């Protein structure tokens, strides 16, 4: 379950940009839980999906239905070769922002995880 604080922070960040973006087709939103930054910890696929779904709903309600459907929302919390396939299967996760794993051979597995989804 996503905490109210998570969504409060995400919505505050999106609200700060909402009125300044003219072309949402050029926007990609990257979400990473604060507690995952630099820790090697990853949100469960269910928590990541729930957060992405909330972000997509907020966009649909506050910017427009088309934007909510079309904007790419990627996950960036310690994605690696072991967890990428399950994360890629989530309907509202459109890709990954990969950090340290991009320097390892398993990066190929992350790149190809969308084929398995």
Protein backbone atom coordinates (compact mmCIF):
# COMPACT_ATOMS: atom_id res chain seq x y z
CA UNK A 1 0.00 0.00 0.00
CA UNK A 2 1.33 3.41 -1.00
CA UNK A 3 1.50 5.87 1.87
CA UNK A 4 -0.32 9.18 1.67
CA UNK A 5 3.01 10.91 2.13
CA UNK A 6 4.39 9.27 -1.03
CA UNK A 7 1.56 10.65 -3.11
CA UNK A 8 1.69 14.04 -1.36
CA UNK A 9 5.33 14.41 -2.39
CA UNK A 10 4.73 13.17 -5.95
CA UNK A 11 1.70 15.41 -6.44
CA UNK A 12 3.53 18.46 -5.08
CA UNK A 13 6.32 17.84 -7.57
CA UNK A 14 3.95 17.34 -10.51
CA UNK A 15 1.87 20.38 -9.53
CA UNK A 16 4.98 22.56 -9.65
CA UNK A 17 5.44 21.66 -13.33
CA UNK A 18 1.88 21.11 -14.53
CA UNK A 19 1.12 24.63 -15.75
CA UNK A 20 4.54 25.13 -17.32
CA UNK A 21 4.49 22.17 -19.69
CA UNK A 22 3.05 22.94 -23.11
CA UNK A 23 3.73 19.62 -24.83
CA UNK A 24 3.27 16.60 -22.58
CA UNK A 25 4.28 14.27 -25.42
CA UNK A 26 7.88 15.22 -24.61
CA UNK A 27 7.58 14.36 -20.92
CA UNK A 28 8.82 11.22 -19.17
CA UNK A 29 8.20 10.93 -15.43
CA UNK A 30 10.66 8.91 -13.39
CA UNK A 31 9.57 7.66 -9.97
CA UNK A 32 11.96 6.30 -7.36
CA UNK A 33 11.03 5.88 -3.71
CA UNK A 34 13.15 8.18 -1.55
CA UNK A 35 14.02 5.25 0.72
CA UNK A 36 15.42 3.34 -2.30
CA UNK A 37 17.89 5.98 -3.46
CA UNK A 38 21.40 4.58 -3.15
CA UNK A 39 20.32 1.66 -0.96
CA UNK A 40 19.96 -1.20 -3.42
CA UNK A 41 16.41 -1.71 -2.12
CA UNK A 42 13.50 -1.97 -4.52
CA UNK A 43 9.77 -1.47 -4.01
CA UNK A 44 7.65 -4.54 -4.50
CA UNK A 45 6.14 -4.70 -7.97
CA UNK A 46 2.73 -4.14 -6.36
CA UNK A 47 3.82 -0.96 -4.56
CA UNK A 48 5.59 0.37 -7.64
CA UNK A 49 2.51 -0.36 -9.77
CA UNK A 50 0.17 1.27 -7.27
CA UNK A 51 2.27 4.44 -7.19
CA UNK A 52 2.48 4.59 -10.98
CA UNK A 53 -1.28 4.05 -11.27
CA UNK A 54 -1.92 6.90 -8.81
CA UNK A 55 0.40 9.16 -10.83
CA UNK A 56 -1.40 8.24 -14.06
CA UNK A 57 -4.80 8.91 -12.44
CA UNK A 58 -3.62 12.29 -11.14
CA UNK A 59 -2.40 13.24 -14.62
CA UNK A 60 -5.73 12.20 -16.17
CA UNK A 61 -7.73 14.20 -13.63
CA UNK A 62 -5.50 17.28 -13.51
CA UNK A 63 -3.97 17.57 -16.97
CA UNK A 64 -6.16 15.48 -19.27
CA UNK A 65 -7.22 11.93 -20.01
CA UNK A 66 -4.94 11.67 -23.05
CA UNK A 67 -1.95 12.81 -21.02
CA UNK A 68 -2.77 10.33 -18.27
CA UNK A 69 -2.79 7.53 -20.80
CA UNK A 70 0.16 8.60 -22.93
CA UNK A 71 2.84 9.96 -20.59
CA UNK A 72 5.62 7.46 -19.97
CA UNK A 73 6.16 6.77 -16.27
CA UNK A 74 9.35 4.87 -15.56
CA UNK A 75 10.57 3.25 -12.34
CA UNK A 76 14.04 3.94 -10.99
CA UNK A 77 14.41 2.18 -7.64
CA UNK A 78 17.33 -0.28 -7.82
CA UNK A 79 16.21 -2.13 -10.93
CA UNK A 80 18.40 -5.14 -11.69
CA UNK A 81 18.42 -8.38 -13.65
CA UNK A 82 16.58 -10.24 -10.88
CA UNK A 83 13.60 -7.89 -10.46
CA UNK A 84 13.19 -6.29 -13.89
CA UNK A 85 10.89 -8.91 -15.45
CA UNK A 86 8.29 -8.74 -12.68
CA UNK A 87 8.40 -4.93 -12.63
CA UNK A 88 8.08 -4.81 -16.44
CA UNK A 89 4.86 -6.85 -16.26
CA UNK A 90 3.11 -4.10 -14.30
CA UNK A 91 0.65 -2.23 -16.54
CA UNK A 92 1.60 1.31 -15.49
CA UNK A 93 5.39 0.90 -15.44
CA UNK A 94 6.58 2.01 -18.87
CA UNK A 95 10.29 1.39 -18.45
CA UNK A 96 13.21 1.91 -16.11
CA UNK A 97 15.71 4.52 -15.04
CA UNK A 98 18.74 2.30 -14.44
CA UNK A 99 21.67 3.31 -12.28
CA UNK A 100 24.53 1.05 -11.25
CA UNK A 101 23.11 -2.01 -12.99
CA UNK A 102 23.76 -0.29 -16.32
CA UNK A 103 27.46 -0.99 -15.78
CA UNK A 104 26.96 -4.74 -15.34
CA UNK A 105 26.37 -7.55 -17.84
CA UNK A 106 22.83 -7.99 -16.43
CA UNK A 107 21.92 -4.68 -18.11
CA UNK A 108 21.04 -6.72 -21.19
CA UNK A 109 18.39 -8.55 -19.14
CA UNK A 110 16.92 -5.21 -18.07
CA UNK A 111 16.83 -3.94 -21.64
CA UNK A 112 15.12 -7.11 -22.83
CA UNK A 113 12.66 -7.35 -19.92
CA UNK A 114 9.97 -5.51 -21.87
CA UNK A 115 9.94 -8.38 -24.40
CA UNK A 116 9.01 -10.81 -21.63
CA UNK A 117 6.26 -8.56 -20.27
